Amino acid sequence: MEKNEMYTASGTNIEAVKQANENSGMSYNEAKEYIARTTGGHGTQIYSDTNAEQIRKKNQQG
């Protein structure tokens, strides 16, 4: 065991868990945001990067 390694009371290596989390992919919230951005759907406006005013103007012109 190295000096810099920290363990929980149950013996879990904290740094190893942090490293595994970094390599595990998207978090739950990141996955929700990705799905909202790529599939659309009900209640996903908070994830939208669409400028609603710009769309309104475009629709009025055309």
C-alpha atoms as a PDB file:
ATOM      1  CA  MET A   1       0.000   0.000   0.000  1.00  0.00           C
ATOM      2  CA  GLU A   2       1.431   3.404  -1.004  1.00  0.00           C
ATOM      3  CA  LYS A   3       1.405   6.418   1.325  1.00  0.00           C
ATOM      4  CA  ASN A   4      -0.822   8.480  -0.996  1.00  0.00           C
ATOM      5  CA  GLU A   5      -3.579   5.875  -1.235  1.00  0.00           C
ATOM      6  CA  MET A   6      -6.669   6.467   0.871  1.00  0.00           C
ATOM      7  CA  TYR A   7      -9.097   3.739   1.885  1.00  0.00           C
ATOM      8  CA  THR A   8     -12.590   3.751   3.369  1.00  0.00           C
ATOM      9  CA  ALA A   9     -13.348   1.990   6.649  1.00  0.00           C
ATOM     10  CA  SER A  10     -14.408  -1.068   4.639  1.00  0.00           C
ATOM     11  CA  GLY A  11     -11.101  -1.153   2.754  1.00  0.00           C
ATOM     12  CA  THR A  12     -12.172   0.400  -0.560  1.00  0.00           C
ATOM     13  CA  ASN A  13      -9.383   2.215  -2.413  1.00  0.00           C
ATOM     14  CA  ILE A  14     -10.853   5.690  -2.991  1.00  0.00           C
ATOM     15  CA  GLU A  15      -8.505   6.631  -5.831  1.00  0.00           C
ATOM     16  CA  ALA A  16      -9.222   3.380  -7.659  1.00  0.00           C
ATOM     17  CA  VAL A  17     -12.965   4.080  -7.462  1.00  0.00           C
ATOM     18  CA  LYS A  18     -12.470   7.640  -8.743  1.00  0.00           C
ATOM     19  CA  GLN A  19     -10.410   6.323 -11.665  1.00  0.00           C
ATOM     20  CA  ALA A  20     -13.015   3.690 -12.496  1.00  0.00           C
ATOM     21  CA  ASN A  21     -15.743   6.348 -12.455  1.00  0.00           C
ATOM     22  CA  GLU A  22     -13.776   8.543 -14.889  1.00  0.00           C
ATOM     23  CA  ASN A  23     -13.528   5.645 -17.314  1.00  0.00           C
ATOM     24  CA  SER A  24     -17.129   4.455 -16.991  1.00  0.00           C
ATOM     25  CA  GLY A  25     -18.815   6.709 -19.566  1.00  0.00           C
ATOM     26  CA  MET A  26     -21.625   9.202 -19.172  1.00  0.00           C
ATOM     27  CA  SER A  27     -23.282  10.018 -15.885  1.00  0.00           C
ATOM     28  CA  TYR A  28     -27.052   9.668 -15.532  1.00  0.00           C
ATOM     29  CA  ASN A  29     -27.563  13.419 -16.073  1.00  0.00           C
ATOM     30  CA  GLU A  30     -25.168  13.495 -19.029  1.00  0.00           C
ATOM     31  CA  ALA A  31     -27.099  10.617 -20.602  1.00  0.00           C
ATOM     32  CA  LYS A  32     -30.427  12.413 -20.045  1.00  0.00           C
ATOM     33  CA  GLU A  33     -29.054  15.563 -21.663  1.00  0.00           C
ATOM     34  CA  TYR A  34     -27.644  13.628 -24.624  1.00  0.00           C
ATOM     35  CA  ILE A  35     -30.955  11.842 -25.216  1.00  0.00           C
ATOM     36  CA  ALA A  36     -32.868  15.118 -24.979  1.00  0.00           C
ATOM     37  CA  ARG A  37     -30.543  16.839 -27.443  1.00  0.00           C
ATOM     38  CA  THR A  38     -30.518  14.028 -29.972  1.00  0.00           C
ATOM     39  CA  THR A  39     -34.095  12.730 -29.863  1.00  0.00           C
ATOM     40  CA  GLY A  40     -36.170  15.684 -28.684  1.00  0.00           C
ATOM     41  CA  GLY A  41     -39.290  14.944 -26.744  1.00  0.00           C
ATOM     42  CA  HIS A  42     -41.651  16.254 -24.096  1.00  0.00           C
ATOM     43  CA  GLY A  43     -40.114  18.473 -21.401  1.00  0.00           C
ATOM     44  CA  THR A  44     -36.640  18.723 -22.943  1.00  0.00           C
ATOM     45  CA  GLN A  45     -36.600  22.491 -23.604  1.00  0.00           C
ATOM     46  CA  ILE A  46     -34.006  23.080 -20.884  1.00  0.00           C
ATOM     47  CA  TYR A  47     -31.491  21.095 -22.948  1.00  0.00           C
ATOM     48  CA  SER A  48     -32.232  22.886 -26.207  1.00  0.00           C
ATOM     49  CA  ASP A  49     -29.720  25.284 -27.722  1.00  0.00           C
ATOM     50  CA  THR A  50     -32.267  26.545 -30.274  1.00  0.00           C
ATOM     51  CA  ASN A  51     -32.873  30.290 -30.307  1.00  0.00           C
ATOM     52  CA  ALA A  52     -36.683  30.440 -30.237  1.00  0.00           C
ATOM     53  CA  GLU A  53     -36.812  34.103 -31.256  1.00  0.00           C
ATOM     54  CA  GLN A  54     -34.649  33.417 -34.312  1.00  0.00           C
ATOM     55  CA  ILE A  55     -36.978  30.587 -35.367  1.00  0.00           C
ATOM     56  CA  ARG A  56     -40.048  32.837 -34.956  1.00  0.00           C
ATOM     57  CA  LYS A  57     -38.481  35.486 -37.191  1.00  0.00           C
ATOM     58  CA  LYS A  58     -37.527  32.890 -39.794  1.00  0.00           C
ATOM     59  CA  ASN A  59     -41.056  31.467 -39.790  1.00  0.00           C
ATOM     60  CA  GLN A  60     -42.577  34.942 -40.246  1.00  0.00           C
ATOM     61  CA  GLN A  61     -40.334  35.608 -43.254  1.00  0.00           C
ATOM     62  CA  GLY A  62     -41.030  32.393 -45.055  1.00  0.00           C
END
